[in-house]
Every structure is written in C-alpha cells, then in structure tokens.
C-alpha cells in the first residue's frame, strides 16, 4: 500500500466518523428540542462507525431534571435502531456532583448547609446541635 493509499484510507475514516457525529448531532437538535427548551445541552462525545459506539453527554438543565431518565431512554431507543450504531451511552451528570456532593461545607451561595435547620444531603434532620 502506498503512502497516498494510506492517506486516502485515513481521510475516509475521518470523514465517516465526522459524518456519523454530524448526523447524531443533527438528529439531537431536530428530534430532541425539549433538551434546549428546558435549558439543557447535548454533546456527542464519541461516534465511532467502526465499533458502532456513540456516547452523548447531557448537561445544563438536564442535571437533576426529573425527566432526564425519559429523555435518555428516548435517545437510546431511537439511536440503537440505526444500522451503524451498536451501543449508545447517554451520560447525565448528577446535580450533586456540581455542588461538591455531601462533603462540601458550603452551598453555591456560600451558606453552610448544616446551620439553620437545613440538614445534610437527603436528610430533613437538622443535626444534633440545632436548637
């Protein structure tokens, strides 16, 4: 195989990767407008036509949204029907991760979550030292 043939193969692989990625991104924009309507974002992190793997990440308003599981399921159910896709992963970050989780001493507003009866994550108990 000559260098020109190898370069042509590389160009073809890149074009097919870009093509699948662009098609998935276009589909998300066209068929899932609710993501953007609710302040969410979507990004195709991987779209490999050779392995058939597609990875999509949802963010923005999707973090902590009560219907993100439904959106995720709808995306997977549709894309897995595409002949060139064998595996679909949709990631939605946990809203608690962006706030630092239960070990974070302060909220994003700078207020200690354990004072004033706020309790800790997932608890309505304000703590032993609460008056």
Protein backbone atom coordinates (compact mmCIF):
# COMPACT_ATOMS: atom_id res chain seq x y z
CA UNK A 1 0.00 0.00 0.00
CA UNK A 2 1.46 3.36 -0.99
CA UNK A 3 1.52 6.43 1.23
CA UNK A 4 -1.17 8.00 -0.96
CA UNK A 5 -3.43 4.96 -0.39
CA UNK A 6 -2.81 5.08 3.37
CA UNK A 7 -3.61 8.79 3.43
CA UNK A 8 -6.81 8.15 1.47
CA UNK A 9 -7.87 5.47 3.98
CA UNK A 10 -7.23 7.85 6.88
CA UNK A 11 -9.25 10.60 5.18
CA UNK A 12 -12.14 8.18 4.59
CA UNK A 13 -12.13 7.06 8.24
CA UNK A 14 -12.16 10.67 9.44
CA UNK A 15 -14.99 11.57 7.05
CA UNK A 16 -17.17 8.64 8.16
CA UNK A 17 -16.53 9.47 11.83
CA UNK A 18 -17.43 13.09 11.25
CA UNK A 19 -20.44 12.06 9.20
CA UNK A 20 -21.89 9.86 11.96
CA UNK A 21 -21.16 12.51 14.58
CA UNK A 22 -22.82 15.20 12.48
CA UNK A 23 -25.84 13.01 11.82
CA UNK A 24 -26.29 12.25 15.52
CA UNK A 25 -25.86 15.93 16.43
CA UNK A 26 -28.40 16.94 13.76
CA UNK A 27 -30.83 14.31 15.00
CA UNK A 28 -30.49 15.54 18.59
CA UNK A 29 -31.19 19.11 17.52
CA UNK A 30 -34.13 18.16 15.30
CA UNK A 31 -35.80 15.39 17.32
CA UNK A 32 -34.99 16.38 20.90
CA UNK A 33 -35.73 20.13 21.05
CA UNK A 34 -37.01 19.68 24.60
CA UNK A 35 -33.38 19.48 25.76
CA UNK A 36 -32.68 23.05 24.70
CA UNK A 37 -36.20 24.27 25.56
CA UNK A 38 -35.57 23.30 29.19
CA UNK A 39 -32.12 24.87 29.36
CA UNK A 40 -30.23 21.65 28.73
CA UNK A 41 -27.29 20.95 26.49
CA UNK A 42 -26.22 17.92 24.49
CA UNK A 43 -22.85 16.96 23.05
CA UNK A 44 -21.78 13.94 21.04
CA UNK A 45 -18.57 12.90 22.79
CA UNK A 46 -17.91 9.89 20.56
CA UNK A 47 -19.41 8.48 17.39
CA UNK A 48 -17.26 5.64 16.08
CA UNK A 49 -18.67 3.98 12.96
CA UNK A 50 -16.15 1.11 13.22
CA UNK A 51 -17.19 0.00 16.71
CA UNK A 52 -20.75 1.30 16.47
CA UNK A 53 -20.35 3.14 19.78
CA UNK A 54 -21.98 6.52 20.40
CA UNK A 55 -21.54 8.50 23.61
CA UNK A 56 -23.71 11.53 24.29
CA UNK A 57 -23.45 13.81 27.28
CA UNK A 58 -26.34 15.92 28.51
CA UNK A 59 -25.74 18.92 30.74
CA UNK A 60 -27.09 22.30 31.77
CA UNK A 61 -30.72 21.99 32.82
CA UNK A 62 -30.57 18.20 32.36
CA UNK A 63 -28.55 17.88 35.59
CA UNK A 64 -31.02 16.92 38.28
CA UNK A 65 -34.03 17.08 35.93
CA UNK A 66 -36.76 14.66 36.94
CA UNK A 67 -37.41 13.60 33.32
CA UNK A 68 -33.79 13.17 32.23
CA UNK A 69 -34.24 9.38 32.52
CA UNK A 70 -37.09 9.56 30.00
CA UNK A 71 -35.02 11.73 27.64
CA UNK A 72 -32.05 9.36 27.99
CA UNK A 73 -34.26 6.35 27.27
CA UNK A 74 -35.78 8.01 24.20
CA UNK A 75 -32.35 8.88 22.80
CA UNK A 76 -31.07 5.33 23.32
CA UNK A 77 -34.21 3.70 21.89
CA UNK A 78 -34.01 5.73 18.69
CA UNK A 79 -30.28 5.66 18.02
CA UNK A 80 -29.86 1.92 18.67
CA UNK A 81 -32.15 1.36 15.65
CA UNK A 82 -29.62 3.00 13.32
CA UNK A 83 -27.81 0.19 11.43
CA UNK A 84 -24.33 1.62 12.09
CA UNK A 85 -24.88 2.01 15.86
CA UNK A 86 -24.46 -0.98 18.19
CA UNK A 87 -24.09 0.74 21.58
CA UNK A 88 -25.45 4.03 22.91
CA UNK A 89 -24.34 5.61 26.17
CA UNK A 90 -26.02 8.78 27.41
CA UNK A 91 -24.41 10.42 30.42
CA UNK A 92 -26.20 12.93 32.62
CA UNK A 93 -24.09 14.39 35.44
CA UNK A 94 -25.60 14.19 38.91
CA UNK A 95 -26.62 17.67 40.11
CA UNK A 96 -24.99 16.93 43.46
CA UNK A 97 -21.60 16.50 41.73
CA UNK A 98 -21.65 20.10 40.50
CA UNK A 99 -22.39 21.28 44.05
CA UNK A 100 -19.49 19.32 45.53
CA UNK A 101 -21.55 16.48 46.97
CA UNK A 102 -22.34 15.90 50.63
CA UNK A 103 -18.80 16.70 51.78
CA UNK A 104 -18.98 20.29 50.51
CA UNK A 105 -19.14 22.60 53.53
CA UNK A 106 -20.95 25.43 51.78
CA UNK A 107 -23.61 25.70 49.16
CA UNK A 108 -23.02 27.59 45.95
CA UNK A 109 -24.48 30.64 47.73
CA UNK A 110 -21.82 30.42 50.46
CA UNK A 111 -24.22 29.31 53.19
CA UNK A 112 -23.36 26.40 55.47
CA UNK A 113 -25.99 23.75 54.70
CA UNK A 114 -25.92 22.34 58.22
CA UNK A 115 -26.94 25.52 60.03
CA UNK A 116 -30.44 26.95 60.20
CA UNK A 117 -32.13 23.54 60.08
CA UNK A 118 -31.08 22.74 56.52
CA UNK A 119 -29.54 19.39 57.45
CA UNK A 120 -27.30 17.42 55.15
CA UNK A 121 -27.91 15.91 51.72
CA UNK A 122 -31.07 13.85 51.63
CA UNK A 123 -31.93 14.49 55.28
CA UNK A 124 -34.57 16.62 56.96
CA UNK A 125 -32.76 16.19 60.29
CA UNK A 126 -31.02 19.50 61.09
CA UNK A 127 -28.41 17.86 63.29
CA UNK A 128 -27.75 17.30 66.98
CA UNK A 129 -26.69 20.85 67.78
CA UNK A 130 -29.76 22.50 66.26
CA UNK A 131 -31.91 24.44 68.76
